[in-house]
């Protein structure tokens, strides 16, 4: 059966998507935006655009992984899978998503190391290491001070890590740093957290 294919841009990446999948994705994005503005996940109007940009970036990453470099068209099954994975900003299932499987969504993910400038004192190295190893940040601060005054290499090590570890700038990166799945709920929480800093 022939289907119309539409070219769309998500976060500066281009995708070919079939007509049914496009309609489903548009409906999801509309529901998502509405829930950001009203209800338990409501955020200030000025931040809605930022959350939607982060959502588009995450959609782009997930669709890119689904098609994995092949010239495949994003279909309805892929859209439903991604919607089930992301959910809504308040953590509830999206209206019209019958295929949502809570065991797929999960709230934990593999941690990635980033500097946490938001909670850091100087460059966020100690805070980022604390998130990565799931330890108290004070432990790393004391460790660097001990290395500085005993061996003298604490400052050099800190400077090397400052340069080598990227800073968590986007809500998706902050989720990865904390070991959270970059779901819509977690992205909106990190966007709100970033705005209050």
Protein backbone atom coordinates (compact mmCIF):
# COMPACT_ATOMS: atom_id res chain seq x y z
CA UNK A 1 0.00 0.00 0.00
CA UNK A 2 1.36 3.41 -0.98
CA UNK A 3 1.71 6.06 1.69
CA UNK A 4 2.60 9.70 1.41
CA UNK A 5 6.02 10.52 2.89
CA UNK A 6 6.71 13.88 4.51
CA UNK A 7 10.13 15.39 5.19
CA UNK A 8 10.35 16.96 8.65
CA UNK A 9 13.10 18.69 10.61
CA UNK A 10 13.59 17.84 14.27
CA UNK A 11 16.34 19.74 16.06
CA UNK A 12 18.17 20.48 12.80
CA UNK A 13 18.05 16.84 11.64
CA UNK A 14 15.93 15.87 8.67
CA UNK A 15 13.71 12.78 8.64
CA UNK A 16 11.34 11.20 6.16
CA UNK A 17 8.18 10.19 7.96
CA UNK A 18 5.05 8.54 6.62
CA UNK A 19 1.73 10.37 6.77
CA UNK A 20 0.20 8.28 9.61
CA UNK A 21 3.33 8.60 11.74
CA UNK A 22 3.43 12.36 11.09
CA UNK A 23 -0.19 12.76 12.24
CA UNK A 24 0.53 10.72 15.41
CA UNK A 25 3.71 12.67 16.18
CA UNK A 26 1.93 16.01 15.65
CA UNK A 27 -0.85 14.93 18.01
CA UNK A 28 1.71 13.87 20.65
CA UNK A 29 3.62 17.16 20.40
CA UNK A 30 0.35 19.10 20.73
CA UNK A 31 -0.68 17.12 23.85
CA UNK A 32 2.81 17.53 25.28
CA UNK A 33 2.77 21.31 24.79
CA UNK A 34 -0.72 21.56 26.34
CA UNK A 35 0.34 19.59 29.43
CA UNK A 36 3.37 21.87 29.84
CA UNK A 37 1.07 24.88 30.01
CA UNK A 38 -1.68 23.44 32.24
CA UNK A 39 -2.00 20.71 34.86
CA UNK A 40 0.50 19.22 37.26
CA UNK A 41 3.42 19.68 34.86
CA UNK A 42 2.68 23.37 34.16
CA UNK A 43 5.75 25.54 33.74
CA UNK A 44 6.16 29.27 33.07
CA UNK A 45 5.25 30.23 29.49
CA UNK A 46 8.78 31.42 28.73
CA UNK A 47 10.20 27.95 29.34
CA UNK A 48 7.75 26.00 27.17
CA UNK A 49 9.80 26.69 24.04
CA UNK A 50 13.00 25.48 25.71
CA UNK A 51 11.37 22.23 26.86
CA UNK A 52 9.92 21.68 23.39
CA UNK A 53 13.39 22.20 21.84
CA UNK A 54 14.83 19.64 24.26
CA UNK A 55 12.02 17.23 23.38
CA UNK A 56 12.67 17.67 19.65
CA UNK A 57 16.38 17.04 20.25
CA UNK A 58 15.59 13.83 22.11
CA UNK A 59 13.10 12.75 19.40
CA UNK A 60 15.79 13.37 16.80
CA UNK A 61 18.28 11.21 18.74
CA UNK A 62 15.77 8.37 19.16
CA UNK A 63 14.60 8.41 15.53
CA UNK A 64 18.24 8.53 14.41
CA UNK A 65 18.96 5.44 16.50
CA UNK A 66 15.86 3.70 15.10
CA UNK A 67 16.80 4.20 11.46
CA UNK A 68 20.54 3.79 12.20
CA UNK A 69 21.89 5.53 9.12
CA UNK A 70 19.80 3.58 6.62
CA UNK A 71 17.48 5.48 4.29
CA UNK A 72 14.41 4.15 6.09
CA UNK A 73 11.25 6.10 6.62
CA UNK A 74 10.04 6.72 10.17
CA UNK A 75 6.80 4.78 10.47
CA UNK A 76 3.93 4.67 12.96
CA UNK A 77 5.47 1.77 14.89
CA UNK A 78 8.69 3.75 15.49
CA UNK A 79 6.71 6.83 16.56
CA UNK A 80 4.63 4.78 19.03
CA UNK A 81 7.80 3.20 20.45
CA UNK A 82 9.45 6.60 20.96
CA UNK A 83 6.29 8.11 22.48
CA UNK A 84 6.04 5.16 24.89
CA UNK A 85 9.66 5.72 25.87
CA UNK A 86 9.32 9.47 26.45
CA UNK A 87 5.83 9.76 27.95
CA UNK A 88 4.44 13.13 29.04
CA UNK A 89 5.97 15.90 31.19
CA UNK A 90 4.00 14.86 34.26
CA UNK A 91 5.00 11.20 33.89
CA UNK A 92 1.53 10.07 32.84
CA UNK A 93 0.83 8.13 29.66
CA UNK A 94 0.02 10.16 26.58
CA UNK A 95 -3.63 10.13 25.55
CA UNK A 96 -4.01 7.86 22.56
CA UNK A 97 -0.89 5.82 23.26
CA UNK A 98 -2.22 2.32 23.69
CA UNK A 99 1.21 0.71 23.42
CA UNK A 100 2.78 2.33 26.47
CA UNK A 101 4.64 -0.27 28.45
CA UNK A 102 5.89 1.03 31.83
CA UNK A 103 8.63 -1.60 31.95
CA UNK A 104 10.08 -0.11 28.75
CA UNK A 105 10.18 3.41 30.08
CA UNK A 106 12.23 2.94 33.25
CA UNK A 107 13.57 5.90 35.18
CA UNK A 108 17.20 4.78 35.38
CA UNK A 109 19.82 4.91 32.67
CA UNK A 110 23.56 4.52 32.35
CA UNK A 111 25.35 7.51 33.84
CA UNK A 112 27.62 9.68 31.74
CA UNK A 113 30.25 11.93 33.21
CA UNK A 114 29.73 15.68 32.94
CA UNK A 115 30.82 18.67 34.98
CA UNK A 116 27.92 19.93 37.08
CA UNK A 117 28.41 23.70 37.03
CA UNK A 118 24.97 24.25 38.59
CA UNK A 119 25.91 22.55 41.87
CA UNK A 120 29.69 22.98 41.62
CA UNK A 121 31.84 25.47 43.49
CA UNK A 122 34.49 26.25 40.85
CA UNK A 123 34.03 24.33 37.60
CA UNK A 124 31.71 21.53 38.68
CA UNK A 125 34.34 18.77 38.47
CA UNK A 126 33.77 17.41 41.98
CA UNK A 127 30.01 17.63 41.65
CA UNK A 128 30.11 15.85 38.29
CA UNK A 129 32.31 13.08 39.69
CA UNK A 130 29.96 12.73 42.66
CA UNK A 131 26.98 12.23 40.32
CA UNK A 132 28.92 9.76 38.17
CA UNK A 133 30.11 7.59 41.07
CA UNK A 134 26.94 8.20 43.12
CA UNK A 135 28.94 9.45 46.12
CA UNK A 136 28.84 12.57 48.26
CA UNK A 137 30.43 15.61 46.62
CA UNK A 138 32.24 16.46 49.88
CA UNK A 139 34.30 13.29 49.49
CA UNK A 140 35.72 14.49 46.16
CA UNK A 141 36.35 18.00 47.45
CA UNK A 142 38.30 16.63 50.41
CA UNK A 143 40.20 14.25 48.11
CA UNK A 144 41.34 17.09 45.86
CA UNK A 145 42.39 19.20 48.87
CA UNK A 146 44.37 16.29 50.33
CA UNK A 147 46.08 15.72 46.97
CA UNK A 148 46.81 19.43 46.69
CA UNK A 149 48.49 19.73 50.09
CA UNK A 150 50.23 16.34 50.28
CA UNK A 151 51.31 15.36 46.80
CA UNK A 152 50.79 18.72 45.13
CA UNK A 153 49.07 17.13 42.12
CA UNK A 154 45.50 17.94 43.18
CA UNK A 155 45.42 21.21 41.28
CA UNK A 156 46.92 19.69 38.14
CA UNK A 157 44.48 16.76 38.23
CA UNK A 158 41.57 19.16 38.78
CA UNK A 159 42.64 21.31 35.82
CA UNK A 160 43.01 18.26 33.56
CA UNK A 161 39.54 17.02 34.52
CA UNK A 162 38.14 20.54 34.03
CA UNK A 163 39.34 20.49 30.43
CA UNK A 164 38.59 16.80 29.73
CA UNK A 165 35.06 16.52 31.16
CA UNK A 166 32.34 18.35 29.22
CA UNK A 167 29.88 20.57 31.07
CA UNK A 168 26.25 19.38 31.35
CA UNK A 169 24.49 22.15 29.47
CA UNK A 170 21.22 20.67 28.23
CA UNK A 171 18.51 19.02 30.31
CA UNK A 172 19.20 15.74 28.45
CA UNK A 173 22.86 15.89 29.52
CA UNK A 174 21.83 16.65 33.11
CA UNK A 175 19.57 13.56 33.03
CA UNK A 176 22.44 11.44 31.71
CA UNK A 177 24.75 12.83 34.39
CA UNK A 178 22.28 11.86 37.12
CA UNK A 179 21.59 8.42 35.66
CA UNK A 180 18.01 9.25 34.69
CA UNK A 181 16.39 8.27 31.43
CA UNK A 182 15.84 11.39 29.34
CA UNK A 183 12.06 10.99 29.41
CA UNK A 184 9.75 13.94 28.92
CA UNK A 185 9.08 14.11 32.67
CA UNK A 186 12.79 14.15 33.56
CA UNK A 187 13.62 16.65 30.79
CA UNK A 188 10.97 19.07 32.03
CA UNK A 189 12.20 18.72 35.63
CA UNK A 190 15.79 19.41 34.58
CA UNK A 191 14.66 22.38 32.50
CA UNK A 192 12.82 23.80 35.50
CA UNK A 193 15.83 23.11 37.74
CA UNK A 194 18.12 24.86 35.26
CA UNK A 195 15.82 27.90 35.15
CA UNK A 196 15.83 28.32 38.94
CA UNK A 197 19.64 28.26 39.20
